[in-house]
C-alpha atoms as a PDB file:
ATOM      1  CA  MET A   1      17.851 -43.106 177.875  1.00  0.00           C
ATOM      2  CA  ASN A   2      19.813 -39.428 177.409  1.00  0.00           C
ATOM      3  CA  ARG A   3      22.735 -40.016 175.123  1.00  0.00           C
ATOM      4  CA  SER A   4      24.204 -36.762 175.074  1.00  0.00           C
ATOM      5  CA  LEU A   5      27.619 -37.625 174.738  1.00  0.00           C
ATOM      6  CA  LEU A   6      28.918 -34.811 174.278  1.00  0.00           C
ATOM      7  CA  ASN A   7      28.111 -33.509 177.588  1.00  0.00           C
ATOM      8  CA  ARG A   8      30.848 -35.340 179.164  1.00  0.00           C
ATOM      9  CA  SER A   9      33.515 -35.847 176.077  1.00  0.00           C
ATOM     10  CA  PRO A  10      36.998 -35.502 177.427  1.00  0.00           C
ATOM     11  CA  GLY A  11      37.872 -32.860 174.536  1.00  0.00           C
ATOM     12  CA  GLU A  12      35.682 -30.755 176.214  1.00  0.00           C
ATOM     13  CA  SER A  13      37.556 -30.198 179.337  1.00  0.00           C
ATOM     14  CA  ARG A  14      40.249 -27.223 179.680  1.00  0.00           C
ATOM     15  CA  GLY A  15      43.216 -28.719 178.474  1.00  0.00           C
ATOM     16  CA  GLY A  16      41.698 -31.105 176.302  1.00  0.00           C
ATOM     17  CA  PHE A  17      43.011 -29.672 173.125  1.00  0.00           C
ATOM     18  CA  ILE A  18      43.976 -31.438 170.312  1.00  0.00           C
ATOM     19  CA  SER A  19      47.476 -30.344 170.204  1.00  0.00           C
ATOM     20  CA  THR A  20      49.599 -29.627 166.929  1.00  0.00           C
ATOM     21  CA  SER A  21      52.751 -30.416 169.875  1.00  0.00           C
ATOM     22  CA  ALA A  22      50.925 -33.515 170.068  1.00  0.00           C
ATOM     23  CA  LEU A  23      50.909 -34.154 166.248  1.00  0.00           C
ATOM     24  CA  ILE A  24      54.154 -33.362 165.645  1.00  0.00           C
ATOM     25  CA  LEU A  25      55.084 -36.130 168.430  1.00  0.00           C
ATOM     26  CA  LEU A  26      52.994 -38.443 166.535  1.00  0.00           C
ATOM     27  CA  PHE A  27      54.700 -37.807 163.486  1.00  0.00           C
ATOM     28  CA  VAL A  28      58.652 -38.328 165.379  1.00  0.00           C
ATOM     29  CA  ALA A  29      56.766 -41.490 166.786  1.00  0.00           C
ATOM     30  CA  GLY A  30      55.916 -42.739 163.743  1.00  0.00           C
ATOM     31  CA  ILE A  31      59.591 -41.748 161.809  1.00  0.00           C
ATOM     32  CA  ALA A  32      61.098 -43.958 165.026  1.00  0.00           C
ATOM     33  CA  ALA A  33      58.716 -46.899 164.278  1.00  0.00           C
ATOM     34  CA  VAL A  34      59.547 -47.070 160.596  1.00  0.00           C
ATOM     35  CA  ALA A  35      63.216 -46.663 161.380  1.00  0.00           C
ATOM     36  CA  ALA A  36      63.115 -49.327 163.278  1.00  0.00           C
ATOM     37  CA  LEU A  37      61.997 -51.293 160.473  1.00  0.00           C
ATOM     38  CA  ARG A  38      64.900 -50.222 158.300  1.00  0.00           C
ATOM     39  CA  ARG A  39      62.532 -48.561 155.556  1.00  0.00           C
ATOM     40  CA  TRP A  40      64.094 -45.316 155.116  1.00  0.00           C
ATOM     41  CA  ASP A  41      62.118 -43.667 152.133  1.00  0.00           C
ATOM     42  CA  THR A  42      59.012 -43.799 154.294  1.00  0.00           C
ATOM     43  CA  VAL A  43      61.084 -42.143 157.205  1.00  0.00           C
ATOM     44  CA  LEU A  44      62.342 -39.215 155.008  1.00  0.00           C
ATOM     45  CA  SER A  45      58.815 -38.914 153.932  1.00  0.00           C
ATOM     46  CA  LEU A  46      57.545 -38.694 157.409  1.00  0.00           C
ATOM     47  CA  ALA A  47      60.480 -36.437 158.897  1.00  0.00           C
ATOM     48  CA  THR A  48      59.941 -34.058 155.767  1.00  0.00           C
ATOM     49  CA  GLY A  49      56.060 -34.008 157.046  1.00  0.00           C
ATOM     50  CA  CYS A  50      56.958 -33.418 160.480  1.00  0.00           C
ATOM     51  CA  VAL A  51      59.291 -30.483 159.242  1.00  0.00           C
ATOM     52  CA  ALA A  52      56.332 -29.073 156.903  1.00  0.00           C
ATOM     53  CA  VAL A  53      53.660 -29.061 159.817  1.00  0.00           C
ATOM     54  CA  PHE A  54      56.242 -27.662 162.283  1.00  0.00           C
ATOM     55  CA  ILE A  55      56.720 -24.765 159.926  1.00  0.00           C
ATOM     56  CA  LEU A  56      53.395 -23.842 159.049  1.00  0.00           C
ATOM     57  CA  VAL A  57      51.830 -23.663 162.207  1.00  0.00           C
ATOM     58  CA  GLY A  58      54.869 -22.033 164.065  1.00  0.00           C
ATOM     59  CA  ASN A  59      55.599 -19.427 161.527  1.00  0.00           C
ATOM     60  CA  GLY A  60      52.066 -18.770 161.796  1.00  0.00           C
ATOM     61  CA  PHE A  61      50.863 -19.795 158.087  1.00  0.00           C
ATOM     62  CA  LEU A  62      48.364 -22.889 159.452  1.00  0.00           C
ATOM     63  CA  ALA A  63      47.601 -20.761 162.414  1.00  0.00           C
ATOM     64  CA  ARG A  64      46.659 -17.956 160.837  1.00  0.00           C
ATOM     65  CA  TRP A  65      44.390 -19.966 158.090  1.00  0.00           C
ATOM     66  CA  LEU A  66      42.611 -21.919 160.932  1.00  0.00           C
ATOM     67  CA  ALA A  67      41.939 -18.697 163.066  1.00  0.00           C
ATOM     68  CA  ARG A  68      40.557 -16.867 159.919  1.00  0.00           C
ATOM     69  CA  SER A  69      38.299 -19.829 158.957  1.00  0.00           C
ATOM     70  CA  LEU A  70      36.510 -19.616 162.036  1.00  0.00           C
ATOM     71  CA  GLN A  71      35.860 -16.267 162.881  1.00  0.00           C
ATOM     72  CA  GLU A  72      32.996 -14.742 160.654  1.00  0.00           C
ATOM     73  CA  PRO A  73      32.686 -11.037 159.805  1.00  0.00           C
ATOM     74  CA  ALA A  74      29.123 -11.030 161.240  1.00  0.00           C
ATOM     75  CA  PHE A  75      30.653 -12.067 164.712  1.00  0.00           C
ATOM     76  CA  PHE A  76      32.096  -8.795 164.994  1.00  0.00           C
ATOM     77  CA  ARG A  77      29.406  -6.260 163.903  1.00  0.00           C
ATOM     78  CA  LYS A  78      28.306  -4.074 166.843  1.00  0.00           C
ATOM     79  CA  PRO A  79      24.962  -4.437 168.032  1.00  0.00           C
ATOM     80  CA  GLN A  80      22.231  -1.393 166.970  1.00  0.00           C
ATOM     81  CA  ASP A  81      18.663  -3.197 168.016  1.00  0.00           C
ATOM     82  CA  PHE A  82      18.499  -4.455 171.330  1.00  0.00           C
ATOM     83  CA  GLY A  83      14.514  -4.902 171.370  1.00  0.00           C
ATOM     84  CA  GLY A  84      12.818  -4.307 174.423  1.00  0.00           C
ATOM     85  CA  VAL A  85      14.363  -7.024 176.472  1.00  0.00           C
ATOM     86  CA  SER A  86      17.976  -8.308 175.813  1.00  0.00           C
ATOM     87  CA  VAL A  87      19.357 -11.425 177.148  1.00  0.00           C
ATOM     88  CA  ILE A  88      23.378 -11.306 177.169  1.00  0.00           C
ATOM     89  CA  VAL A  89      24.778 -15.166 177.424  1.00  0.00           C
ATOM     90  CA  LEU A  90      28.347 -14.388 178.537  1.00  0.00           C
ATOM     91  CA  LEU A  91      30.424 -17.849 178.176  1.00  0.00           C
ATOM     92  CA  GLY A  92      33.018 -18.432 180.996  1.00  0.00           C
ATOM     93  CA  ASP A  93      36.216 -19.502 180.707  1.00  0.00           C
ATOM     94  CA  GLY A  94      36.711 -20.569 184.106  1.00  0.00           C
ATOM     95  CA  ASN A  95      38.844 -19.576 186.820  1.00  0.00           C
ATOM     96  CA  ILE A  96      43.161 -19.530 187.370  1.00  0.00           C
ATOM     97  CA  VAL A  97      43.524 -19.342 191.453  1.00  0.00           C
ATOM     98  CA  GLN A  98      46.611 -17.281 192.735  1.00  0.00           C
ATOM     99  CA  PRO A  99      48.951 -19.639 194.058  1.00  0.00           C
ATOM    100  CA  ASN A 100      50.021 -17.189 196.496  1.00  0.00           C
ATOM    101  CA  SER A 101      46.729 -15.481 197.674  1.00  0.00           C
ATOM    102  CA  GLY A 102      44.681 -18.387 196.768  1.00  0.00           C
ATOM    103  CA  GLU A 103      42.590 -15.984 194.945  1.00  0.00           C
ATOM    104  CA  ALA A 104      40.388 -17.233 192.147  1.00  0.00           C
ATOM    105  CA  LEU A 105      41.114 -15.071 189.054  1.00  0.00           C
ATOM    106  CA  PRO A 106      39.198 -15.538 185.951  1.00  0.00           C
ATOM    107  CA  GLY A 107      40.855 -17.857 182.863  1.00  0.00           C
ATOM    108  CA  TRP A 108      42.906 -15.458 180.369  1.00  0.00           C
ATOM    109  CA  LEU A 109      40.226 -16.045 178.006  1.00  0.00           C
ATOM    110  CA  ALA A 110      37.521 -14.498 179.798  1.00  0.00           C
ATOM    111  CA  TYR A 111      38.668 -11.074 180.794  1.00  0.00           C
ATOM    112  CA  SER A 112      37.412  -9.786 177.188  1.00  0.00           C
ATOM    113  CA  ARG A 113      34.598 -11.587 177.560  1.00  0.00           C
ATOM    114  CA  ILE A 114      33.425  -9.618 180.291  1.00  0.00           C
ATOM    115  CA  GLU A 115      34.550  -6.406 179.105  1.00  0.00           C
ATOM    116  CA  ARG A 116      32.272  -7.042 176.162  1.00  0.00           C
ATOM    117  CA  ALA A 117      29.268  -8.222 178.298  1.00  0.00           C
ATOM    118  CA  GLY A 118      29.851  -4.851 180.057  1.00  0.00           C
ATOM    119  CA  GLU A 119      29.988  -3.140 177.681  1.00  0.00           C
ATOM    120  CA  LEU A 120      26.859  -4.490 175.651  1.00  0.00           C
ATOM    121  CA  TYR A 121      25.061  -4.447 178.625  1.00  0.00           C
ATOM    122  CA  ARG A 122      25.565  -0.441 178.832  1.00  0.00           C
ATOM    123  CA  SER A 123      24.585  -0.111 175.123  1.00  0.00           C
ATOM    124  CA  ALA A 124      21.448  -1.975 175.441  1.00  0.00           C
ATOM    125  CA  THR A 125      20.093  -0.005 178.507  1.00  0.00           C
ATOM    126  CA  ALA A 126      21.610   3.363 177.107  1.00  0.00           C
ATOM    127  CA  SER A 127      18.822   2.379 174.102  1.00  0.00           C
ATOM    128  CA  GLY A 128      15.979   1.991 176.639  1.00  0.00           C
ATOM    129  CA  ALA A 129      15.932  -2.087 176.172  1.00  0.00           C
ATOM    130  CA  ALA A 130      15.499  -3.842 179.681  1.00  0.00           C
ATOM    131  CA  CYS A 131      18.842  -6.026 179.564  1.00  0.00           C
ATOM    132  CA  ARG A 132      20.137  -9.099 181.693  1.00  0.00           C
ATOM    133  CA  VAL A 133      23.104 -10.855 181.686  1.00  0.00           C
ATOM    134  CA  ILE A 134      23.326 -14.929 182.075  1.00  0.00           C
ATOM    135  CA  VAL A 135      26.661 -16.007 183.238  1.00  0.00           C
ATOM    136  CA  THR A 136      27.182 -19.718 182.352  1.00  0.00           C
ATOM    137  CA  GLY A 137      29.983 -22.337 183.095  1.00  0.00           C
ATOM    138  CA  ASP A 138      31.863 -23.694 185.817  1.00  0.00           C
ATOM    139  CA  ASP A 139      35.307 -24.627 186.475  1.00  0.00           C
ATOM    140  CA  SER A 140      35.653 -28.015 185.615  1.00  0.00           C
ATOM    141  CA  SER A 141      39.850 -28.215 186.506  1.00  0.00           C
ATOM    142  CA  ASP A 142      39.941 -26.711 189.787  1.00  0.00           C
ATOM    143  CA  PRO A 143      37.424 -27.903 192.313  1.00  0.00           C
ATOM    144  CA  GLY A 144      38.512 -25.552 194.686  1.00  0.00           C
ATOM    145  CA  ALA A 145      37.982 -22.490 192.875  1.00  0.00           C
ATOM    146  CA  VAL A 146      34.703 -20.679 193.437  1.00  0.00           C
ATOM    147  CA  LYS A 147      34.350 -18.886 189.886  1.00  0.00           C
ATOM    148  CA  GLU A 148      30.547 -17.453 189.916  1.00  0.00           C
ATOM    149  CA  PRO A 149      31.635 -14.730 192.388  1.00  0.00           C
ATOM    150  CA  VAL A 150      34.411 -13.650 190.493  1.00  0.00           C
ATOM    151  CA  TYR A 151      32.684 -13.181 187.206  1.00  0.00           C
ATOM    152  CA  VAL A 152      29.693 -11.094 188.702  1.00  0.00           C
ATOM    153  CA  GLN A 153      32.171  -8.806 190.910  1.00  0.00           C
ATOM    154  CA  ARG A 154      34.022  -7.665 187.786  1.00  0.00           C
ATOM    155  CA  LEU A 155      30.198  -7.712 185.940  1.00  0.00           C
ATOM    156  CA  ARG A 156      29.295  -5.106 188.563  1.00  0.00           C
ATOM    157  CA  ALA A 157      32.591  -3.247 188.744  1.00  0.00           C
ATOM    158  CA  LEU A 158      31.373  -2.707 184.697  1.00  0.00           C
ATOM    159  CA  GLY A 159      28.211  -0.876 185.713  1.00  0.00           C
ATOM    160  CA  VAL A 160      25.888  -4.282 185.864  1.00  0.00           C
ATOM    161  CA  PRO A 161      23.468  -4.324 188.921  1.00  0.00           C
ATOM    162  CA  ALA A 162      23.693  -7.582 190.316  1.00  0.00           C
ATOM    163  CA  GLY A 163      19.868  -8.136 190.158  1.00  0.00           C
ATOM    164  CA  ASP A 164      20.583  -8.195 186.589  1.00  0.00           C
ATOM    165  CA  ILE A 165      22.959 -10.827 186.399  1.00  0.00           C
ATOM    166  CA  ARG A 166      21.803 -14.890 186.622  1.00  0.00           C
ATOM    167  CA  VAL A 167      24.222 -17.482 186.865  1.00  0.00           C
ATOM    168  CA  GLU A 168      24.320 -20.824 185.512  1.00  0.00           C
ATOM    169  CA  GLY A 169      27.084 -22.677 187.574  1.00  0.00           C
ATOM    170  CA  LYS A 170      27.117 -26.058 186.476  1.00  0.00           C
ATOM    171  CA  GLY A 171      28.146 -26.396 182.841  1.00  0.00           C
ATOM    172  CA  ARG A 172      31.812 -27.942 182.794  1.00  0.00           C
ATOM    173  CA  ASN A 173      31.698 -27.170 178.807  1.00  0.00           C
ATOM    174  CA  THR A 174      30.550 -25.630 176.003  1.00  0.00           C
ATOM    175  CA  TYR A 175      28.047 -28.328 175.311  1.00  0.00           C
ATOM    176  CA  ARG A 176      26.564 -28.415 178.770  1.00  0.00           C
ATOM    177  CA  GLN A 177      26.542 -24.614 178.848  1.00  0.00           C
ATOM    178  CA  ALA A 178      24.537 -24.549 175.790  1.00  0.00           C
ATOM    179  CA  GLU A 179      22.035 -27.472 177.270  1.00  0.00           C
ATOM    180  CA  LEU A 180      21.529 -25.906 180.910  1.00  0.00           C
ATOM    181  CA  THR A 181      21.339 -22.131 179.902  1.00  0.00           C
ATOM    182  CA  SER A 182      18.919 -22.939 176.915  1.00  0.00           C
ATOM    183  CA  GLU A 183      16.564 -24.190 180.025  1.00  0.00           C
ATOM    184  CA  ILE A 184      16.897 -20.856 181.795  1.00  0.00           C
ATOM    185  CA  LEU A 185      16.252 -18.956 178.910  1.00  0.00           C
ATOM    186  CA  LYS A 186      12.693 -21.140 177.788  1.00  0.00           C
ATOM    187  CA  ALA A 187      11.500 -19.264 181.076  1.00  0.00           C
ATOM    188  CA  GLU A 188      13.090 -15.590 180.363  1.00  0.00           C
ATOM    189  CA  ARG A 189      10.854 -13.119 178.247  1.00  0.00           C
ATOM    190  CA  CYS A 190      13.450 -11.596 175.991  1.00  0.00           C
ATOM    191  CA  ASP A 191      13.566  -9.846 172.307  1.00  0.00           C
ATOM    192  CA  ARG A 192      17.154 -10.503 172.041  1.00  0.00           C
ATOM    193  CA  ILE A 193      19.391 -12.930 173.065  1.00  0.00           C
ATOM    194  CA  PHE A 194      23.290 -11.696 172.959  1.00  0.00           C
ATOM    195  CA  MET A 195      25.960 -14.417 172.890  1.00  0.00           C
ATOM    196  CA  VAL A 196      29.664 -13.086 173.795  1.00  0.00           C
ATOM    197  CA  THR A 197      32.210 -15.012 173.901  1.00  0.00           C
ATOM    198  CA  SER A 198      35.846 -15.447 172.070  1.00  0.00           C
ATOM    199  CA  GLY A 199      35.977 -15.400 168.177  1.00  0.00           C
ATOM    200  CA  LEU A 200      37.514 -18.620 167.683  1.00  0.00           C
ATOM    201  CA  HIS A 201      35.000 -20.486 169.936  1.00  0.00           C
ATOM    202  CA  MET A 202      31.948 -18.157 168.806  1.00  0.00           C
ATOM    203  CA  LYS A 203      30.950 -20.773 165.951  1.00  0.00           C
ATOM    204  CA  ARG A 204      31.322 -23.804 167.857  1.00  0.00           C
ATOM    205  CA  ALA A 205      28.820 -21.754 170.592  1.00  0.00           C
ATOM    206  CA  LEU A 206      26.530 -20.764 168.303  1.00  0.00           C
ATOM    207  CA  ARG A 207      25.918 -24.601 166.533  1.00  0.00           C
ATOM    208  CA  TYR A 208      25.919 -25.926 170.230  1.00  0.00           C
ATOM    209  CA  PHE A 209      23.278 -23.705 171.845  1.00  0.00           C
ATOM    210  CA  LEU A 210      21.223 -23.580 168.463  1.00  0.00           C
ATOM    211  CA  ASN A 211      21.306 -27.759 168.939  1.00  0.00           C
ATOM    212  CA  PHE A 212      19.049 -26.679 172.091  1.00  0.00           C
ATOM    213  CA  GLY A 213      16.906 -24.634 170.225  1.00  0.00           C
ATOM    214  CA  VAL A 214      18.463 -21.116 171.056  1.00  0.00           C
ATOM    215  CA  SER A 215      19.604 -18.854 168.397  1.00  0.00           C
ATOM    216  CA  ALA A 216      21.660 -15.832 169.574  1.00  0.00           C
ATOM    217  CA  ILE A 217      23.159 -13.039 168.036  1.00  0.00           C
ATOM    218  CA  PRO A 218      26.817 -13.204 168.158  1.00  0.00           C
ATOM    219  CA  VAL A 219      29.323 -10.698 169.665  1.00  0.00           C
ATOM    220  CA  ALA A 220      32.462 -11.537 169.692  1.00  0.00           C
ATOM    221  CA  SER A 221      34.712 -10.527 172.548  1.00  0.00           C
ATOM    222  CA  ASP A 222      38.305 -10.650 170.551  1.00  0.00           C
ATOM    223  CA  TYR A 223      39.805 -11.432 167.212  1.00  0.00           C
ATOM    224  CA  VAL A 224      42.581 -13.888 166.917  1.00  0.00           C
ATOM    225  CA  THR A 225      45.295 -14.133 163.960  1.00  0.00           C
ATOM    226  CA  GLY A 226      48.585 -16.198 163.680  1.00  0.00           C
ATOM    227  CA  ASN A 227      51.558 -14.219 163.291  1.00  0.00           C
ATOM    228  CA  ILE A 228      53.292 -14.252 160.226  1.00  0.00           C
ATOM    229  CA  THR A 229      56.978 -15.043 161.277  1.00  0.00           C
ATOM    230  CA  LEU A 230      60.414 -15.905 160.263  1.00  0.00           C
ATOM    231  CA  LEU A 231      61.697 -18.415 163.658  1.00  0.00           C
ATOM    232  CA  PRO A 232      58.606 -20.149 164.915  1.00  0.00           C
ATOM    233  CA  LEU A 233      56.293 -19.095 167.592  1.00  0.00           C
ATOM    234  CA  GLY A 234      54.866 -20.843 170.685  1.00  0.00           C
ATOM    235  CA  SER A 235      51.361 -18.540 170.301  1.00  0.00           C
ATOM    236  CA  ASN A 236      50.802 -19.671 167.048  1.00  0.00           C
ATOM    237  CA  PHE A 237      51.252 -23.580 167.923  1.00  0.00           C
ATOM    238  CA  ALA A 238      48.210 -22.191 170.887  1.00  0.00           C
ATOM    239  CA  ILE A 239      46.495 -20.535 168.034  1.00  0.00           C
ATOM    240  CA  ALA A 240      46.650 -23.481 166.401  1.00  0.00           C
ATOM    241  CA  ASP A 241      45.609 -25.825 169.134  1.00  0.00           C
ATOM    242  CA  ILE A 242      42.613 -23.598 170.356  1.00  0.00           C
ATOM    243  CA  ALA A 243      41.281 -23.945 166.172  1.00  0.00           C
ATOM    244  CA  LEU A 244      41.543 -27.658 166.119  1.00  0.00           C
ATOM    245  CA  HIS A 245      39.636 -27.523 169.089  1.00  0.00           C
ATOM    246  CA  GLN A 246      37.079 -25.894 167.921  1.00  0.00           C
ATOM    247  CA  TYR A 247      36.983 -27.758 164.710  1.00  0.00           C
ATOM    248  CA  ALA A 248      36.769 -31.167 166.268  1.00  0.00           C
ATOM    249  CA  GLY A 249      34.098 -29.641 168.460  1.00  0.00           C
ATOM    250  CA  LEU A 250      31.763 -28.652 165.315  1.00  0.00           C
ATOM    251  CA  ALA A 251      32.626 -32.274 163.849  1.00  0.00           C
ATOM    252  CA  ARG A 252      31.584 -34.248 166.698  1.00  0.00           C
ATOM    253  CA  LEU A 253      28.265 -32.523 166.952  1.00  0.00           C
ATOM    254  CA  ARG A 254      27.619 -33.702 163.732  1.00  0.00           C
ATOM    255  CA  ILE A 255      28.399 -36.828 163.801  1.00  0.00           C
ATOM    256  CA  TYR A 256      26.896 -37.370 167.413  1.00  0.00           C
ATOM    257  CA  ASN A 257      23.845 -35.588 165.697  1.00  0.00           C
ATOM    258  CA  ALA A 258      23.875 -38.218 162.645  1.00  0.00           C
ATOM    259  CA  LEU A 259      24.106 -41.139 164.750  1.00  0.00           C
ATOM    260  CA  GLY A 260      21.184 -39.942 167.223  1.00  0.00           C
ATOM    261  CA  TRP A 261      23.179 -39.889 170.186  1.00  0.00           C
ATOM    262  CA  ASN A 262      22.611 -36.361 171.365  1.00  0.00           C
ATOM    263  CA  LYS A 263      18.562 -37.302 171.925  1.00  0.00           C
END
């Protein structure tokens, strides 16, 4: 029986981040519960912890540390050797439907990925290598969105011929994308497999694909870091949320593999 629980983990879906805001709310709830019991010394400790977490995240210190640990220098090296045949795996980020026109647009993290995939394709073909792009993923948050034509259209605008683009449209999270794309890659004859995704997402994506026997060369599309500021910034909370989601996914993969649930 297939017990690949990762491919239906709710934390994998878009919007399923482990939120630092939620952690702070848990602290506040804990303070309220303890206050009801009149344990004022414990209330003070919890309140201090809550404020400390808020400051460390909002002012960028924790967000920067979490992000830096995920984004290895090797992810940002410019590929030089494309072999004879290269395959670029572009991990999508779903769609956003423009409410007025109904037009489906790539998710906000996808633009840099599409741009980097197009740049990588041009470099590969300029070196004389044959190259194909596999766009993997599906929009799991909005059934009405159609992502594949949007991504393909933008890749074509960057000079990638439609004949060199293949779409995997069923993967609803990183684990499922790795599982389905690995099946496609088994039928592909290629010398190099390049993975294009965001810097924060790269480590987890590589591990998930490796779990299915795919060893890819990382090509990060962006580098994200926390901004050290005097006043808390919402962007630092967002970066910390995304980073925590990656760490949780890596830990979950280890645990599920150890328990034999991904067989």
